[in-house]
Amino acid sequence: MNFNDSELPLYRSHKLVRAAKITDVEYDSGAVYLVLAIPGKMSKVAEVDQEWLDKRVPKTRKTPVGGYFIRLETDGYTSWVPAEVFEAGNRALTPAEIALLAQEKIDGTFPQGRANVNDDGALTLAVSLADAPTGSMVRIDFGKPTAWIGLPPQHAMQLASAILKKAREGGAVVTLEL
């Protein structure tokens, strides 16, 4: 690649991907140049080879134009995705979400091992007491959209303890049977 792909907009599906729509393809001496539309910027060019193109774009499509060039944030893998598939399963991150990502301590590590293919790695969260229209509310902030979390028993107890502490601070009387 002959450009800084961090300029590609960041999207979230079940993984973080950088992506841009392909608007044109140019061929020169065996090299293939994908012209990418990046919102608010001049078009960028990603250089691939014919083998890359042949592996990723079905013959029935004839051209990658209109589809998306993507790069996975986790491992840098690049691919092509049809526009209808990409647009149905991904959404661009807002500037606020990108700022939150920059603050998170998610680095692709799996301190307890990777639970499954949808495991995005370590996650930082905060438990706080917030004001709500109906009184106090215990708030658990994951800093990003989170479908599930998996915790070793000791960490689960620590999270439960933090939630109970904030609930008590908010005036709740807590009785548990374990």
N, C-alpha and C. Protein backbone atom coordinates (compact mmCIF):
# COMPACT_ATOMS: atom_id res chain seq x y z
N MET A 1 0.83 -1.16 0.00
CA MET A 1 0.00 0.00 0.00
C MET A 1 0.89 1.24 0.00
N ASN A 2 0.54 2.20 -0.82
CA ASN A 2 1.39 3.37 -0.94
C ASN A 2 0.76 4.62 -0.33
N PHE A 3 -0.13 4.44 0.65
CA PHE A 3 -0.70 5.57 1.36
C PHE A 3 -0.91 5.15 2.80
N ASN A 4 -1.16 6.12 3.66
CA ASN A 4 -1.37 5.84 5.07
C ASN A 4 -2.82 5.40 5.25
N ASP A 5 -3.05 4.10 5.44
CA ASP A 5 -4.43 3.63 5.51
C ASP A 5 -5.15 4.03 6.78
N SER A 6 -4.47 4.71 7.71
CA SER A 6 -5.17 5.24 8.87
C SER A 6 -6.10 6.38 8.45
N GLU A 7 -5.98 6.85 7.20
CA GLU A 7 -6.89 7.87 6.68
C GLU A 7 -8.24 7.29 6.30
N LEU A 8 -8.31 5.97 6.16
CA LEU A 8 -9.59 5.35 5.82
C LEU A 8 -10.54 5.53 7.00
N PRO A 9 -11.81 5.84 6.75
CA PRO A 9 -12.76 5.96 7.85
C PRO A 9 -12.85 4.66 8.64
N LEU A 10 -13.12 4.76 9.93
CA LEU A 10 -13.22 3.62 10.83
C LEU A 10 -14.68 3.21 10.95
N TYR A 11 -14.96 1.91 10.82
CA TYR A 11 -16.30 1.36 10.91
C TYR A 11 -16.33 0.29 11.98
N ARG A 12 -17.53 -0.02 12.47
CA ARG A 12 -17.69 -1.13 13.39
C ARG A 12 -18.76 -2.07 12.84
N SER A 13 -18.41 -3.33 12.78
CA SER A 13 -19.39 -4.39 12.57
C SER A 13 -19.24 -5.19 13.85
N HIS A 14 -18.83 -6.44 13.77
CA HIS A 14 -18.45 -7.12 15.01
C HIS A 14 -16.96 -6.96 15.23
N LYS A 15 -16.29 -6.35 14.28
CA LYS A 15 -14.87 -6.03 14.40
C LYS A 15 -14.69 -4.58 13.95
N LEU A 16 -13.55 -4.02 14.27
CA LEU A 16 -13.24 -2.68 13.75
C LEU A 16 -12.54 -2.85 12.41
N VAL A 17 -13.03 -2.12 11.42
CA VAL A 17 -12.41 -2.17 10.09
C VAL A 17 -12.24 -0.75 9.57
N ARG A 18 -11.22 -0.56 8.78
CA ARG A 18 -11.08 0.69 8.02
C ARG A 18 -11.54 0.36 6.62
N ALA A 19 -12.26 1.27 6.01
CA ALA A 19 -12.84 0.96 4.71
C ALA A 19 -13.10 2.22 3.90
N ALA A 20 -13.13 2.05 2.59
CA ALA A 20 -13.51 3.12 1.68
C ALA A 20 -14.08 2.50 0.41
N LYS A 21 -15.04 3.20 -0.18
CA LYS A 21 -15.66 2.72 -1.41
C LYS A 21 -14.69 2.88 -2.58
N ILE A 22 -14.64 1.87 -3.43
CA ILE A 22 -13.77 1.90 -4.61
C ILE A 22 -14.53 2.59 -5.74
N THR A 23 -13.93 3.67 -6.27
CA THR A 23 -14.59 4.44 -7.32
C THR A 23 -14.03 4.18 -8.71
N ASP A 24 -12.81 3.63 -8.77
CA ASP A 24 -12.19 3.37 -10.07
C ASP A 24 -11.06 2.38 -9.88
N VAL A 25 -10.65 1.75 -10.95
CA VAL A 25 -9.51 0.83 -10.96
C VAL A 25 -8.62 1.20 -12.13
N GLU A 26 -7.32 1.27 -11.86
CA GLU A 26 -6.36 1.56 -12.93
C GLU A 26 -5.35 0.42 -12.97
N TYR A 27 -4.95 0.04 -14.17
CA TYR A 27 -3.98 -1.04 -14.36
C TYR A 27 -2.74 -0.47 -15.01
N ASP A 28 -1.56 -0.90 -14.51
CA ASP A 28 -0.31 -0.43 -15.08
C ASP A 28 0.79 -1.45 -14.83
N SER A 29 1.29 -2.05 -15.88
CA SER A 29 2.42 -3.00 -15.81
C SER A 29 2.24 -4.06 -14.73
N GLY A 30 1.07 -4.68 -14.68
CA GLY A 30 0.83 -5.76 -13.72
C GLY A 30 0.33 -5.30 -12.37
N ALA A 31 0.46 -4.01 -12.09
CA ALA A 31 -0.04 -3.49 -10.82
C ALA A 31 -1.49 -3.06 -10.99
N VAL A 32 -2.25 -3.15 -9.91
CA VAL A 32 -3.64 -2.73 -9.92
C VAL A 32 -3.78 -1.64 -8.87
N TYR A 33 -4.36 -0.52 -9.26
CA TYR A 33 -4.54 0.61 -8.34
C TYR A 33 -6.03 0.82 -8.12
N LEU A 34 -6.45 0.70 -6.86
CA LEU A 34 -7.84 0.93 -6.50
C LEU A 34 -7.97 2.39 -6.05
N VAL A 35 -8.83 3.15 -6.71
CA VAL A 35 -9.06 4.54 -6.33
C VAL A 35 -10.17 4.53 -5.28
N LEU A 36 -9.85 5.07 -4.09
CA LEU A 36 -10.75 5.01 -2.94
C LEU A 36 -11.32 6.38 -2.62
N ALA A 37 -12.63 6.44 -2.39
CA ALA A 37 -13.30 7.68 -1.99
C ALA A 37 -13.26 7.78 -0.47
N ILE A 38 -12.58 8.80 0.03
CA ILE A 38 -12.50 9.02 1.47
C ILE A 38 -13.22 10.34 1.77
N PRO A 39 -14.32 10.27 2.53
CA PRO A 39 -15.11 11.48 2.79
C PRO A 39 -14.26 12.64 3.32
N GLY A 40 -14.45 13.81 2.71
CA GLY A 40 -13.75 15.01 3.16
C GLY A 40 -12.30 15.10 2.74
N LYS A 41 -11.83 14.14 1.97
CA LYS A 41 -10.43 14.15 1.53
C LYS A 41 -10.36 13.85 0.04
N MET A 42 -9.20 14.07 -0.52
CA MET A 42 -8.99 13.68 -1.91
C MET A 42 -8.98 12.16 -1.99
N SER A 43 -9.30 11.62 -3.14
CA SER A 43 -9.24 10.17 -3.32
C SER A 43 -7.84 9.67 -3.04
N LYS A 44 -7.77 8.47 -2.52
CA LYS A 44 -6.49 7.80 -2.26
C LYS A 44 -6.41 6.58 -3.13
N VAL A 45 -5.20 6.07 -3.32
CA VAL A 45 -5.00 4.90 -4.16
C VAL A 45 -4.36 3.80 -3.34
N ALA A 46 -4.95 2.61 -3.40
CA ALA A 46 -4.37 1.43 -2.76
C ALA A 46 -3.83 0.54 -3.87
N GLU A 47 -2.58 0.16 -3.76
CA GLU A 47 -1.98 -0.71 -4.78
C GLU A 47 -2.13 -2.16 -4.34
N VAL A 48 -2.70 -2.97 -5.22
CA VAL A 48 -2.83 -4.41 -5.00
C VAL A 48 -2.29 -5.08 -6.27
N ASP A 49 -2.30 -6.39 -6.31
CA ASP A 49 -1.92 -7.05 -7.56
C ASP A 49 -3.10 -7.85 -8.09
N GLN A 50 -2.96 -8.36 -9.29
CA GLN A 50 -4.05 -9.07 -9.95
C GLN A 50 -4.47 -10.29 -9.14
N GLU A 51 -3.52 -10.96 -8.50
CA GLU A 51 -3.85 -12.14 -7.68
C GLU A 51 -4.76 -11.74 -6.51
N TRP A 52 -4.47 -10.62 -5.86
CA TRP A 52 -5.30 -10.12 -4.76
C TRP A 52 -6.73 -9.92 -5.27
N LEU A 53 -6.83 -9.26 -6.42
CA LEU A 53 -8.13 -8.96 -7.01
C LEU A 53 -8.88 -10.25 -7.37
N ASP A 54 -8.18 -11.20 -8.02
CA ASP A 54 -8.81 -12.45 -8.44
C ASP A 54 -9.33 -13.27 -7.26
N LYS A 55 -8.62 -13.23 -6.12
CA LYS A 55 -9.03 -13.99 -4.94
C LYS A 55 -10.25 -13.40 -4.26
N ARG A 56 -10.46 -12.10 -4.39
CA ARG A 56 -11.46 -11.43 -3.57
C ARG A 56 -12.72 -10.97 -4.32
N VAL A 57 -12.60 -10.68 -5.58
CA VAL A 57 -13.75 -10.18 -6.34
C VAL A 57 -14.28 -11.30 -7.22
N PRO A 58 -15.53 -11.72 -7.02
CA PRO A 58 -16.08 -12.81 -7.83
C PRO A 58 -16.07 -12.45 -9.33
N LYS A 59 -15.85 -13.44 -10.15
CA LYS A 59 -15.82 -13.23 -11.61
C LYS A 59 -17.13 -12.63 -12.12
N THR A 60 -18.23 -12.95 -11.44
CA THR A 60 -19.53 -12.42 -11.86
C THR A 60 -19.63 -10.91 -11.68
N ARG A 61 -18.79 -10.34 -10.84
CA ARG A 61 -18.79 -8.89 -10.60
C ARG A 61 -18.04 -8.13 -11.69
N LYS A 62 -17.05 -8.73 -12.26
CA LYS A 62 -16.21 -8.16 -13.33
C LYS A 62 -15.33 -6.99 -12.87
N THR A 63 -15.74 -6.24 -11.87
CA THR A 63 -14.95 -5.10 -11.39
C THR A 63 -15.19 -4.90 -9.90
N PRO A 64 -14.19 -4.43 -9.19
CA PRO A 64 -14.39 -4.13 -7.76
C PRO A 64 -15.05 -2.77 -7.53
N VAL A 65 -15.21 -1.97 -8.59
CA VAL A 65 -15.78 -0.62 -8.46
C VAL A 65 -17.18 -0.70 -7.85
N GLY A 66 -17.41 0.15 -6.87
CA GLY A 66 -18.70 0.18 -6.17
C GLY A 66 -18.67 -0.60 -4.88
N GLY A 67 -17.71 -1.53 -4.75
CA GLY A 67 -17.56 -2.28 -3.51
C GLY A 67 -16.62 -1.54 -2.57
N TYR A 68 -16.28 -2.16 -1.45
CA TYR A 68 -15.42 -1.53 -0.45
C TYR A 68 -14.09 -2.26 -0.32
N PHE A 69 -13.04 -1.47 -0.22
CA PHE A 69 -11.72 -1.96 0.17
C PHE A 69 -11.72 -1.87 1.69
N ILE A 70 -11.41 -2.99 2.38
CA ILE A 70 -11.41 -2.97 3.84
C ILE A 70 -10.08 -3.48 4.38
N ARG A 71 -9.74 -3.01 5.59
CA ARG A 71 -8.58 -3.52 6.31
C ARG A 71 -9.02 -3.72 7.76
N LEU A 72 -8.84 -4.96 8.27
CA LEU A 72 -9.17 -5.26 9.66
C LEU A 72 -8.18 -4.55 10.57
N GLU A 73 -8.69 -3.93 11.63
CA GLU A 73 -7.83 -3.23 12.59
C GLU A 73 -6.96 -4.22 13.37
N THR A 74 -7.47 -5.43 13.61
CA THR A 74 -6.75 -6.37 14.46
C THR A 74 -5.47 -6.90 13.83
N ASP A 75 -5.53 -7.27 12.56
CA ASP A 75 -4.36 -7.91 11.97
C ASP A 75 -3.92 -7.35 10.62
N GLY A 76 -4.59 -6.30 10.14
CA GLY A 76 -4.19 -5.68 8.88
C GLY A 76 -4.65 -6.40 7.62
N TYR A 77 -5.40 -7.50 7.77
CA TYR A 77 -5.88 -8.24 6.61
C TYR A 77 -6.73 -7.32 5.74
N THR A 78 -6.50 -7.36 4.42
CA THR A 78 -7.27 -6.53 3.49
C THR A 78 -8.16 -7.41 2.63
N SER A 79 -9.28 -6.84 2.22
CA SER A 79 -10.19 -7.58 1.35
C SER A 79 -11.10 -6.62 0.62
N TRP A 80 -11.98 -7.19 -0.19
CA TRP A 80 -13.01 -6.46 -0.93
C TRP A 80 -14.35 -6.99 -0.47
N VAL A 81 -15.32 -6.10 -0.28
CA VAL A 81 -16.66 -6.49 0.15
C VAL A 81 -17.67 -5.78 -0.73
N PRO A 82 -18.69 -6.50 -1.23
CA PRO A 82 -19.73 -5.82 -2.03
C PRO A 82 -20.39 -4.72 -1.20
N ALA A 83 -20.75 -3.62 -1.86
CA ALA A 83 -21.34 -2.47 -1.16
C ALA A 83 -22.57 -2.87 -0.36
N GLU A 84 -23.46 -3.66 -0.94
CA GLU A 84 -24.71 -4.00 -0.24
C GLU A 84 -24.45 -4.80 1.04
N VAL A 85 -23.44 -5.65 1.02
CA VAL A 85 -23.08 -6.43 2.20
C VAL A 85 -22.43 -5.53 3.24
N PHE A 86 -21.46 -4.71 2.81
CA PHE A 86 -20.76 -3.83 3.73
C PHE A 86 -21.71 -2.85 4.39
N GLU A 87 -22.55 -2.20 3.60
CA GLU A 87 -23.43 -1.16 4.11
C GLU A 87 -24.53 -1.73 5.01
N ALA A 88 -24.91 -2.99 4.80
CA ALA A 88 -25.93 -3.61 5.65
C ALA A 88 -25.36 -4.02 7.02
N GLY A 89 -24.07 -4.28 7.10
CA GLY A 89 -23.50 -4.81 8.33
C GLY A 89 -22.52 -3.91 9.05
N ASN A 90 -22.30 -2.70 8.57
CA ASN A 90 -21.33 -1.80 9.17
C ASN A 90 -21.89 -0.40 9.26
N ARG A 91 -21.37 0.35 10.20
CA ARG A 91 -21.73 1.76 10.28
C ARG A 91 -20.47 2.54 10.62
N ALA A 92 -20.38 3.73 10.07
CA ALA A 92 -19.22 4.57 10.35
C ALA A 92 -19.27 5.02 11.79
N LEU A 93 -18.12 5.07 12.43
CA LEU A 93 -18.05 5.55 13.81
C LEU A 93 -18.15 7.07 13.83
N THR A 94 -18.77 7.59 14.85
CA THR A 94 -18.87 9.04 15.03
C THR A 94 -17.55 9.54 15.59
N PRO A 95 -17.27 10.84 15.47
CA PRO A 95 -16.05 11.38 16.08
C PRO A 95 -15.97 11.10 17.58
N ALA A 96 -17.12 11.12 18.27
CA ALA A 96 -17.12 10.83 19.72
C ALA A 96 -16.72 9.38 19.98
N GLU A 97 -17.20 8.45 19.17
CA GLU A 97 -16.83 7.05 19.35
C GLU A 97 -15.34 6.83 19.06
N ILE A 98 -14.83 7.53 18.07
CA ILE A 98 -13.40 7.42 17.75
C ILE A 98 -12.57 7.96 18.91
N ALA A 99 -13.03 9.07 19.52
CA ALA A 99 -12.32 9.63 20.68
C ALA A 99 -12.34 8.64 21.84
N LEU A 100 -13.48 7.97 22.05
CA LEU A 100 -13.55 6.97 23.12
C LEU A 100 -12.59 5.82 22.85
N LEU A 101 -12.52 5.40 21.60
CA LEU A 101 -11.59 4.32 21.25
C LEU A 101 -10.16 4.70 21.57
N ALA A 102 -9.82 5.95 21.33
CA ALA A 102 -8.46 6.42 21.60
C ALA A 102 -8.16 6.37 23.09
N GLN A 103 -9.19 6.54 23.92
CA GLN A 103 -9.00 6.53 25.37
C GLN A 103 -9.01 5.12 25.95
N GLU A 104 -9.63 4.19 25.24
CA GLU A 104 -9.74 2.82 25.76
C GLU A 104 -8.38 2.15 25.81
N LYS A 105 -8.33 1.15 26.63
CA LYS A 105 -7.10 0.37 26.73
C LYS A 105 -7.29 -0.97 26.03
N ILE A 106 -7.94 -0.93 24.89
CA ILE A 106 -8.13 -2.15 24.12
C ILE A 106 -6.97 -2.26 23.16
N ASP A 107 -6.19 -3.28 23.32
CA ASP A 107 -5.01 -3.40 22.48
C ASP A 107 -4.94 -4.74 21.75
N GLY A 108 -6.07 -5.43 21.67
CA GLY A 108 -6.07 -6.71 20.97
C GLY A 108 -5.47 -7.83 21.79
N THR A 109 -5.24 -7.59 23.09
CA THR A 109 -4.70 -8.66 23.92
C THR A 109 -5.85 -9.46 24.51
N PHE A 110 -5.58 -10.68 24.85
CA PHE A 110 -6.56 -11.60 25.39
C PHE A 110 -5.99 -12.21 26.67
N PRO A 111 -6.06 -11.46 27.80
CA PRO A 111 -5.41 -11.91 29.02
C PRO A 111 -5.92 -13.25 29.52
N GLN A 112 -7.16 -13.61 29.22
CA GLN A 112 -7.72 -14.89 29.65
C GLN A 112 -7.84 -15.86 28.48
N GLY A 113 -7.17 -15.56 27.36
CA GLY A 113 -7.34 -16.37 26.15
C GLY A 113 -8.53 -15.86 25.38
N ARG A 114 -8.59 -16.13 24.10
CA ARG A 114 -9.69 -15.65 23.27
C ARG A 114 -10.90 -16.57 23.46
N ALA A 115 -12.03 -16.00 23.89
CA ALA A 115 -13.23 -16.79 24.19
C ALA A 115 -13.85 -17.38 22.93
N ASN A 116 -13.90 -16.61 21.85
CA ASN A 116 -14.44 -17.09 20.57
C ASN A 116 -14.05 -16.09 19.49
N VAL A 117 -14.49 -16.31 18.25
CA VAL A 117 -14.08 -15.45 17.14
C VAL A 117 -14.61 -14.03 17.27
N ASN A 118 -15.65 -13.82 18.08
CA ASN A 118 -16.20 -12.48 18.26
C ASN A 118 -15.57 -11.73 19.42
N ASP A 119 -14.61 -12.34 20.10
CA ASP A 119 -13.93 -11.72 21.23
C ASP A 119 -12.97 -10.66 20.71
N ASP A 120 -13.20 -9.39 21.07
CA ASP A 120 -12.35 -8.29 20.62
C ASP A 120 -11.19 -8.01 21.56
N GLY A 121 -11.06 -8.77 22.63
CA GLY A 121 -9.92 -8.59 23.53
C GLY A 121 -10.27 -7.79 24.77
N ALA A 122 -9.22 -7.36 25.45
CA ALA A 122 -9.36 -6.67 26.73
C ALA A 122 -10.27 -5.45 26.61
N LEU A 123 -10.97 -5.14 27.71
CA LEU A 123 -11.92 -4.04 27.73
C LEU A 123 -11.79 -3.30 29.06
N THR A 124 -11.82 -1.99 29.02
CA THR A 124 -11.82 -1.17 30.22
C THR A 124 -13.25 -0.71 30.46
N LEU A 125 -13.73 -0.80 31.71
CA LEU A 125 -15.06 -0.33 32.00
C LEU A 125 -15.05 0.46 33.31
N ALA A 126 -16.12 1.24 33.51
CA ALA A 126 -16.23 2.05 34.72
C ALA A 126 -17.62 1.87 35.31
N VAL A 127 -17.70 1.79 36.65
CA VAL A 127 -18.97 1.72 37.36
C VAL A 127 -19.09 3.02 38.14
N SER A 128 -20.22 3.72 37.94
CA SER A 128 -20.40 5.01 38.61
C SER A 128 -21.85 5.18 39.03
N LEU A 129 -22.08 6.19 39.85
CA LEU A 129 -23.42 6.56 40.27
C LEU A 129 -23.78 7.83 39.52
N ALA A 130 -24.89 7.80 38.80
CA ALA A 130 -25.29 8.95 37.98
C ALA A 130 -26.68 9.41 38.39
N ASP A 131 -26.93 10.69 38.18
CA ASP A 131 -28.27 11.22 38.41
C ASP A 131 -29.14 10.85 37.23
N ALA A 132 -30.38 10.49 37.52
CA ALA A 132 -31.36 10.15 36.48
C ALA A 132 -32.66 10.87 36.84
N PRO A 133 -33.56 11.04 35.89
CA PRO A 133 -34.83 11.74 36.18
C PRO A 133 -35.61 11.12 37.34
N THR A 134 -35.45 9.82 37.54
CA THR A 134 -36.20 9.14 38.60
C THR A 134 -35.36 8.91 39.85
N GLY A 135 -34.18 9.52 39.95
CA GLY A 135 -33.30 9.33 41.09
C GLY A 135 -31.93 8.89 40.64
N SER A 136 -31.20 8.28 41.54
CA SER A 136 -29.86 7.81 41.20
C SER A 136 -29.92 6.56 40.34
N MET A 137 -28.86 6.37 39.55
CA MET A 137 -28.77 5.19 38.69
C MET A 137 -27.33 4.69 38.71
N VAL A 138 -27.15 3.39 38.88
CA VAL A 138 -25.83 2.80 38.76
C VAL A 138 -25.56 2.65 37.27
N ARG A 139 -24.46 3.21 36.84
CA ARG A 139 -24.13 3.19 35.41
C ARG A 139 -22.86 2.37 35.20
N ILE A 140 -22.91 1.46 34.24
CA ILE A 140 -21.74 0.67 33.84
C ILE A 140 -21.39 1.13 32.44
N ASP A 141 -20.24 1.77 32.29
CA ASP A 141 -19.82 2.35 31.01
C ASP A 141 -18.72 1.49 30.41
N PHE A 142 -19.01 0.88 29.28
CA PHE A 142 -18.03 0.05 28.58
C PHE A 142 -17.19 0.86 27.61
N GLY A 143 -17.58 2.10 27.34
CA GLY A 143 -16.80 2.95 26.46
C GLY A 143 -16.99 2.67 24.98
N LYS A 144 -17.74 1.64 24.66
CA LYS A 144 -18.00 1.28 23.26
C LYS A 144 -19.18 0.33 23.23
N PRO A 145 -19.81 0.16 22.06
CA PRO A 145 -20.88 -0.84 21.97
C PRO A 145 -20.32 -2.22 22.35
N THR A 146 -20.99 -2.89 23.26
CA THR A 146 -20.51 -4.17 23.77
C THR A 146 -21.67 -5.15 23.80
N ALA A 147 -21.54 -6.25 23.08
CA ALA A 147 -22.59 -7.26 23.03
C ALA A 147 -22.53 -8.18 24.24
N TRP A 148 -21.34 -8.47 24.73
CA TRP A 148 -21.19 -9.39 25.86
C TRP A 148 -19.83 -9.19 26.50
N ILE A 149 -19.71 -9.63 27.73
CA ILE A 149 -18.41 -9.66 28.39
C ILE A 149 -18.25 -11.02 29.05
N GLY A 150 -17.03 -11.49 29.14
CA GLY A 150 -16.72 -12.74 29.84
C GLY A 150 -15.67 -12.43 30.89
N LEU A 151 -15.90 -12.89 32.10
CA LEU A 151 -14.99 -12.58 33.20
C LEU A 151 -14.60 -13.84 33.96
N PRO A 152 -13.33 -13.93 34.37
CA PRO A 152 -12.97 -15.00 35.29
C PRO A 152 -13.76 -14.79 36.59
N PRO A 153 -14.03 -15.82 37.35
CA PRO A 153 -14.84 -15.67 38.57
C PRO A 153 -14.38 -14.55 39.50
N GLN A 154 -13.09 -14.38 39.71
CA GLN A 154 -12.60 -13.34 40.60
C GLN A 154 -12.94 -11.95 40.07
N HIS A 155 -12.79 -11.74 38.76
CA HIS A 155 -13.13 -10.45 38.17
C HIS A 155 -14.64 -10.20 38.21
N ALA A 156 -15.43 -11.27 38.04
CA ALA A 156 -16.89 -11.14 38.14
C ALA A 156 -17.29 -10.68 39.54
N MET A 157 -16.63 -11.23 40.56
CA MET A 157 -16.91 -10.82 41.94
C MET A 157 -16.52 -9.36 42.16
N GLN A 158 -15.39 -8.93 41.57
CA GLN A 158 -14.96 -7.54 41.72
C GLN A 158 -15.96 -6.59 41.04
N LEU A 159 -16.45 -6.98 39.87
CA LEU A 159 -17.45 -6.15 39.18
C LEU A 159 -18.74 -6.10 40.00
N ALA A 160 -19.17 -7.25 40.50
CA ALA A 160 -20.38 -7.30 41.32
C ALA A 160 -20.21 -6.42 42.56
N SER A 161 -19.06 -6.48 43.18
CA SER A 161 -18.78 -5.68 44.36
C SER A 161 -18.84 -4.18 44.04
N ALA A 162 -18.27 -3.78 42.90
CA ALA A 162 -18.30 -2.37 42.48
C ALA A 162 -19.73 -1.91 42.22
N ILE A 163 -20.53 -2.77 41.60
CA ILE A 163 -21.94 -2.43 41.33
C ILE A 163 -22.71 -2.29 42.64
N LEU A 164 -22.52 -3.24 43.56
CA LEU A 164 -23.20 -3.19 44.85
C LEU A 164 -22.79 -1.95 45.65
N LYS A 165 -21.51 -1.62 45.61
CA LYS A 165 -21.03 -0.43 46.33
C LYS A 165 -21.75 0.83 45.82
N LYS A 166 -21.83 0.98 44.50
CA LYS A 166 -22.50 2.16 43.93
C LYS A 166 -23.99 2.13 44.23
N ALA A 167 -24.60 0.93 44.24
CA ALA A 167 -26.03 0.82 44.57
C ALA A 167 -26.28 1.28 46.00
N ARG A 168 -25.41 0.88 46.93
CA ARG A 168 -25.53 1.31 48.33
C ARG A 168 -25.37 2.83 48.43
N GLU A 169 -24.38 3.39 47.71
CA GLU A 169 -24.18 4.84 47.71
C GLU A 169 -25.42 5.57 47.22
N GLY A 170 -26.16 4.93 46.33
CA GLY A 170 -27.39 5.52 45.79
C GLY A 170 -28.59 5.31 46.69
N GLY A 171 -28.41 4.64 47.84
CA GLY A 171 -29.50 4.48 48.80
C GLY A 171 -30.17 3.13 48.77
N ALA A 172 -29.70 2.20 47.96
CA ALA A 172 -30.33 0.88 47.90
C ALA A 172 -29.92 0.04 49.10
N VAL A 173 -30.85 -0.76 49.57
CA VAL A 173 -30.54 -1.76 50.59
C VAL A 173 -30.38 -3.07 49.82
N VAL A 174 -29.21 -3.65 49.93
CA VAL A 174 -28.91 -4.83 49.10
C VAL A 174 -28.77 -6.05 49.98
N THR A 175 -29.50 -7.08 49.67
CA THR A 175 -29.39 -8.37 50.35
C THR A 175 -29.18 -9.42 49.26
N LEU A 176 -28.14 -10.19 49.42
CA LEU A 176 -27.83 -11.23 48.43
C LEU A 176 -27.78 -12.59 49.10
N GLU A 177 -28.21 -13.59 48.38
CA GLU A 177 -28.04 -14.96 48.81
C GLU A 177 -27.11 -15.62 47.82
N LEU A 178 -25.98 -16.08 48.32
CA LEU A 178 -25.01 -16.74 47.44
C LEU A 178 -24.90 -18.21 47.78
